[in-house]
Protein backbone atom coordinates (compact mmCIF):
# COMPACT_ATOMS: atom_id res chain seq x y z
CA MET A 1 0.24 -0.19 0.22
CA LEU A 2 1.13 3.51 -0.88
CA PHE A 3 0.02 6.67 0.93
CA LEU A 4 -0.19 9.40 -0.86
CA CYS A 5 -0.01 12.30 1.73
CA ALA A 6 3.57 13.31 1.42
CA ILE A 7 3.24 13.78 -2.07
CA LEU A 8 -0.37 15.61 -2.02
CA VAL A 9 0.36 17.34 1.09
CA SER A 10 3.70 18.83 0.78
CA THR A 11 4.39 21.81 3.45
CA ASN A 12 4.68 24.31 0.61
CA ILE A 13 2.00 23.46 -1.86
CA ARG A 14 -0.32 23.42 1.03
CA ASN A 15 0.61 26.88 2.26
CA LYS A 16 0.48 28.64 -1.35
CA CYS A 17 -2.85 26.93 -1.94
CA THR A 18 -4.53 27.32 1.93
CA ASP A 19 -2.97 31.38 1.55
CA SER A 20 -4.52 31.31 -2.13
CA ILE A 21 -7.92 30.53 -1.13
CA VAL A 22 -7.92 32.87 1.96
CA LYS A 23 -7.23 35.67 -0.56
CA GLU A 24 -9.43 34.82 -2.88
CA VAL A 25 -12.20 34.68 0.18
CA VAL A 26 -11.20 37.64 1.45
CA TYR A 27 -10.18 39.95 -1.66
CA GLU A 28 -12.52 38.71 -4.52
CA THR A 29 -15.03 40.60 -5.39
CA ASP A 30 -17.01 38.66 -7.79
CA TYR A 31 -18.22 36.47 -5.53
CA PHE A 32 -19.47 34.13 -8.09
CA SER A 33 -16.17 33.31 -8.68
CA GLN A 34 -14.90 32.08 -5.61
CA GLY A 35 -13.63 28.69 -5.47
CA ASN A 36 -11.82 29.12 -8.66
CA LYS A 37 -8.38 28.31 -7.29
CA ASN A 38 -9.33 25.20 -5.76
CA PHE A 39 -11.19 23.50 -8.09
CA PRO A 40 -8.33 23.74 -10.80
CA TYR A 41 -5.98 22.18 -8.09
CA ILE A 42 -8.37 19.94 -7.14
CA LEU A 43 -8.39 18.65 -10.87
CA GLY A 44 -4.59 18.02 -11.05
CA VAL A 45 -4.95 16.05 -7.77
CA TYR A 46 -7.52 13.77 -9.61
CA ALA A 47 -5.41 13.73 -12.97
CA LEU A 48 -2.37 12.94 -10.96
CA TYR A 49 -4.16 9.86 -9.52
CA GLU A 50 -5.37 8.83 -12.86
CA ARG A 51 -2.16 9.15 -14.17
CA LEU A 52 -0.64 6.79 -11.19
CA THR A 53 -3.01 4.42 -10.86
CA ASN A 54 -2.94 3.61 -14.60
CA GLU A 55 0.52 2.89 -14.46
CA PHE A 56 0.74 1.17 -10.96
CA PRO A 57 -2.76 -0.96 -10.90
CA GLU A 58 -2.17 -3.35 -8.66
CA VAL A 59 -0.35 -0.68 -5.70
CA LEU A 60 -3.26 0.50 -3.11
CA PHE A 61 -3.16 3.96 -2.69
CA GLU A 62 -4.36 5.64 0.03
CA SER A 63 -5.23 9.32 0.05
CA CYS A 64 -5.41 11.82 3.14
CA ALA A 65 -7.52 13.87 4.47
CA SER A 66 -5.43 16.34 5.80
CA GLY A 67 -4.83 19.74 4.48
CA GLY A 68 -6.72 20.15 1.41
CA GLY A 69 -10.06 18.31 1.86
CA ARG A 70 -8.87 15.50 -0.01
CA PHE A 71 -11.03 12.59 1.59
CA ASP A 72 -14.02 13.30 -0.75
CA LEU A 73 -16.10 10.67 -2.60
CA GLY A 74 -14.20 12.07 -5.82
CA MET A 75 -10.84 10.14 -4.21
CA LEU A 76 -12.36 6.52 -3.77
CA TYR A 77 -12.70 6.50 -7.64
CA TYR A 78 -8.42 6.27 -7.31
CA ALA A 79 -8.04 5.62 -3.78
CA PRO A 80 -10.63 3.05 -1.97
CA GLN A 81 -9.24 4.49 1.82
CA GLY A 82 -8.73 7.37 3.11
CA TRP A 83 -6.64 8.63 5.93
CA THR A 84 -9.56 9.67 8.13
CA SER A 85 -8.25 12.09 10.02
CA ASP A 86 -4.65 13.11 11.81
CA ASP A 87 -6.54 13.01 15.17
CA SER A 88 -5.63 9.81 16.03
CA ASP A 89 -6.78 9.75 19.52
CA ALA A 90 -8.96 6.88 20.45
CA ILE A 91 -11.61 9.19 22.29
CA GLU A 92 -11.33 12.12 19.10
CA ARG A 93 -11.71 9.41 16.84
CA LEU A 94 -15.71 8.24 18.35
CA LYS A 95 -16.59 11.52 16.95
CA ILE A 96 -14.27 11.49 13.54
CA GLN A 97 -15.43 7.89 12.51
CA TYR A 98 -19.01 8.00 13.88
CA GLY A 99 -20.03 11.26 11.62
CA THR A 100 -17.48 9.57 8.20
CA SER A 101 -19.54 6.48 8.44
CA MET A 102 -23.11 8.56 7.93
CA CYS A 103 -21.16 8.72 4.12
CA TYR A 104 -18.26 6.19 3.74
CA PRO A 105 -17.98 2.36 4.28
CA LEU A 106 -15.63 1.09 7.56
CA SER A 107 -13.61 -0.24 4.84
CA SER A 108 -12.64 3.41 3.27
CA MET A 109 -11.69 4.61 7.01
CA GLY A 110 -7.85 4.82 7.75
CA SER A 111 -7.94 3.98 11.52
CA HIS A 112 -5.18 3.14 13.63
CA VAL A 113 -4.10 2.16 17.18
CA SER A 114 -1.42 5.32 17.35
CA VAL A 115 1.50 5.46 20.30
CA VAL A 116 0.08 7.31 23.89
CA PRO A 117 0.68 10.03 24.74
CA ASN A 118 -1.13 10.99 21.71
CA HIS A 119 0.60 12.98 19.73
CA GLN A 120 -2.65 15.23 19.18
CA VAL A 121 -3.98 15.63 22.24
CA PHE A 122 -1.69 14.11 25.07
CA ARG A 123 -4.61 11.79 26.33
CA ASN A 124 -3.48 8.47 27.64
CA THR A 125 -5.92 5.92 26.31
CA PRO A 126 -5.80 1.52 27.63
CA LEU A 127 -4.01 -0.11 24.48
CA HIS A 128 -7.47 -2.33 24.54
CA THR A 129 -9.97 1.03 23.69
CA ARG A 130 -7.05 2.19 21.28
CA ALA A 131 -7.99 -1.07 19.00
CA ASN A 132 -11.48 -1.22 19.79
CA VAL A 133 -11.98 1.79 18.04
CA ALA A 134 -9.70 0.99 15.05
CA TYR A 135 -11.23 -2.59 14.25
CA PHE A 136 -13.87 -0.39 13.17
CA GLY A 137 -11.84 1.20 9.78
CA THR A 138 -8.61 -0.17 7.61
CA PHE A 139 -6.89 -1.06 11.41
CA GLY A 140 -3.61 -0.37 11.68
CA TYR A 141 -0.48 0.32 14.28
CA GLU A 142 1.17 3.67 14.36
CA LEU A 143 3.68 3.61 16.93
CA ASP A 144 7.40 2.24 17.95
CA LEU A 145 6.72 -1.64 18.43
CA ASN A 146 10.26 -1.48 20.03
CA LYS A 147 8.99 0.80 22.87
CA LEU A 148 6.18 -1.65 24.24
CA THR A 149 6.26 -4.04 27.63
CA GLU A 150 6.19 -7.84 26.66
CA GLU A 151 2.33 -7.53 27.66
CA GLU A 152 1.62 -5.05 24.91
CA ILE A 153 3.24 -7.25 22.50
CA LYS A 154 1.39 -10.19 23.47
CA GLU A 155 -2.03 -7.95 23.49
CA VAL A 156 -1.11 -6.37 19.86
CA LYS A 157 -0.81 -10.18 18.37
CA GLU A 158 -3.97 -10.75 19.59
CA GLN A 159 -5.50 -7.59 18.81
CA ILE A 160 -4.11 -8.58 14.87
CA THR A 161 -5.43 -12.07 15.00
CA PHE A 162 -8.63 -11.05 16.21
CA MET A 163 -8.51 -8.34 12.91
CA LYS A 164 -7.40 -11.02 10.72
CA GLU A 165 -10.32 -13.45 11.87
CA TYR A 166 -13.63 -10.95 11.84
CA ARG A 167 -11.96 -8.03 8.79
CA GLU A 168 -14.48 -9.27 7.07
CA VAL A 169 -17.31 -8.22 8.70
CA LEU A 170 -15.99 -5.32 10.18
CA GLN A 171 -14.91 -3.88 6.76
CA PHE A 172 -17.81 -4.90 5.16
CA GLY A 173 -20.78 -5.96 7.06
CA THR A 174 -23.85 -4.28 7.95
CA PHE A 175 -22.75 -1.06 10.30
CA TYR A 176 -25.37 0.39 13.08
CA ARG A 177 -24.87 3.08 14.84
CA LEU A 178 -26.44 2.67 18.46
CA LYS A 179 -25.54 5.66 20.45
CA SER A 180 -24.25 9.07 19.58
CA PRO A 181 -20.59 10.43 21.07
CA PHE A 182 -22.40 13.34 20.29
CA GLU A 183 -24.83 12.87 22.27
CA GLY A 184 -23.71 11.59 25.67
CA ASN A 185 -21.12 10.10 27.69
CA GLU A 186 -21.23 6.36 25.81
CA THR A 187 -20.51 5.29 22.01
CA VAL A 188 -22.14 2.01 20.52
CA TRP A 189 -22.27 0.64 17.10
CA MET A 190 -22.28 -2.64 15.98
CA VAL A 191 -21.58 -4.52 12.21
CA THR A 192 -23.71 -7.82 11.69
CA ASN A 193 -22.62 -10.00 8.78
CA GLU A 194 -24.87 -11.01 5.71
CA ASP A 195 -26.96 -13.79 7.41
CA ARG A 196 -26.53 -12.20 10.54
CA THR A 197 -25.20 -15.18 12.49
CA LEU A 198 -22.01 -13.06 13.95
CA ALA A 199 -22.86 -9.15 15.61
CA ILE A 200 -19.95 -7.23 16.71
CA VAL A 201 -20.78 -4.66 19.17
CA GLY A 202 -18.42 -1.46 20.31
CA TYR A 203 -19.15 -0.19 23.46
CA TYR A 204 -16.97 2.94 24.28
CA ARG A 205 -17.62 4.92 28.00
CA VAL A 206 -15.50 8.25 27.68
CA LEU A 207 -15.42 9.00 31.61
CA ASN A 208 -16.12 6.59 34.41
CA GLY A 209 -18.71 7.04 37.10
CA VAL A 210 -19.35 5.51 40.76
CA ASN A 211 -22.45 3.89 41.54
CA GLN A 212 -24.21 4.52 37.82
CA PRO A 213 -27.61 2.56 37.10
CA TYR A 214 -27.66 -1.04 35.46
CA SER A 215 -27.47 -0.18 31.43
CA ARG A 216 -28.48 -2.07 28.46
CA VAL A 217 -28.52 -1.43 24.60
CA ARG A 218 -31.00 -2.35 22.16
CA LEU A 219 -29.39 -3.91 19.42
CA GLN A 220 -30.27 -3.81 15.49
CA GLY A 221 -29.75 -5.75 12.64
CA LEU A 222 -30.41 -9.31 14.32
CA ASN A 223 -32.66 -12.51 13.23
CA PRO A 224 -35.13 -12.14 15.94
CA ASP A 225 -35.98 -15.65 15.66
CA MET A 226 -32.26 -16.86 16.15
CA ILE A 227 -30.60 -17.50 19.25
CA TYR A 228 -27.67 -15.71 19.89
CA GLU A 229 -24.22 -16.53 22.27
CA ASN A 230 -22.63 -13.98 23.85
CA VAL A 231 -18.80 -14.95 23.97
CA TRP A 232 -17.82 -12.20 26.54
CA ASN A 233 -20.11 -14.01 29.43
CA HIS A 234 -21.59 -17.43 27.63
CA THR A 235 -25.37 -16.38 28.04
CA GLU A 236 -27.48 -16.50 24.97
CA ASN A 237 -30.76 -14.82 24.14
CA TYR A 238 -33.06 -14.79 21.38
CA GLY A 239 -32.63 -11.54 18.76
CA ASP A 240 -35.46 -10.20 19.37
CA GLU A 241 -34.96 -9.58 23.03
CA LEU A 242 -31.71 -8.47 21.92
CA MET A 243 -33.08 -5.70 20.13
CA ASN A 244 -35.75 -5.04 22.30
CA TYR A 245 -34.93 -5.38 25.97
CA GLY A 246 -31.34 -4.97 24.84
CA LEU A 247 -27.63 -6.40 25.45
CA ILE A 248 -26.77 -5.72 29.38
CA THR A 249 -23.97 -3.32 29.83
CA SER A 250 -23.48 -3.16 33.25
CA ASP A 251 -20.37 -3.30 34.29
CA ALA A 252 -18.52 -2.63 37.91
CA THR A 253 -19.55 0.83 37.92
CA ALA A 254 -22.75 0.22 39.09
CA GLY A 255 -22.08 0.07 42.50
CA GLU A 256 -19.65 -1.31 44.87
CA VAL A 257 -17.07 -3.73 42.58
CA PRO A 258 -16.88 -6.88 44.19
CA GLY A 259 -12.91 -8.53 44.90
CA ASN A 260 -13.73 -10.75 41.08
CA VAL A 261 -14.66 -7.98 38.99
CA THR A 262 -11.72 -5.91 37.39
CA PRO A 263 -12.57 -2.11 38.65
CA CYS A 264 -13.43 -0.32 35.05
CA THR A 265 -11.80 3.54 34.40
CA ASP A 266 -11.47 6.35 31.81
CA PHE A 267 -11.77 5.42 28.39
CA GLU A 268 -12.97 1.81 28.96
CA SER A 269 -14.33 -0.18 26.10
CA ARG A 270 -15.33 -3.89 25.28
CA ILE A 271 -16.13 -5.37 22.22
CA TYR A 272 -19.09 -7.79 22.55
CA MET A 273 -19.15 -11.06 20.35
CA LEU A 274 -22.43 -12.51 19.43
CA LYS A 275 -22.45 -15.80 17.31
CA GLY A 276 -26.08 -16.71 16.01
CA LYS A 277 -27.92 -20.39 15.80
CA LYS A 278 -30.81 -21.50 14.77
CA VAL A 279 -32.98 -23.09 17.41
CA GLN A 280 -33.15 -26.27 15.92
CA GLU A 281 -29.60 -26.64 16.78
CA VAL A 282 -29.63 -26.01 20.44
CA ARG A 283 -32.29 -28.34 20.65
């Protein structure tokens, strides 16, 4: 895969284009002519992509959202995926990827597990949360593996194994937005495979709480007559129950933390794996 950020976002070109566009907006007296500089620039980018993709048809190009707003629908014609944002913080990415998913498929959204403290907001988030967000996109790592602990290396291997096994549904399944990061402390989304025998739910909580109420989230897209096993705790529920009553998401924040339960922290997240089976298979 070749990233086209360096070619299309060189500082000199970006600054000149930005300056010219600003001057155009401020000083242009003919308001109907605004955009005359930006439009041919984008056409030039398309022309460059046309030449590159024709000459190197086996290369996977990734476009970049930085600078000139190049994560547009026209770019997907040449590059099937784009770097969604230079802001790679997992918590920031909840809103970024939630909003982007309104128009773009998950397979086109560049999403990486980046280093902490994060380079944009200097926030420390757990490794599993960074991965749990990045799963719902192209997935990758943007950090120095030599600086990870042995435990973190083991966790990274497990994350890669998980992504390889479920890449098809994570990138090409049917995506449902269940709880918006713009409306509260929790974000929930999910994907299902084509025959609805597998659902993967991403649950994210920004800040921890004390004595929180018991909680659940109503799922979508399941087969109402199929029984789903929650791989996380091995409970079984019908699809219609999970869609109407909801998936239980209560954890150690609800009441006093018992001795055998792992305490929760800020920036907590979980992946719920739901595997469906027909009723006759259960019997």
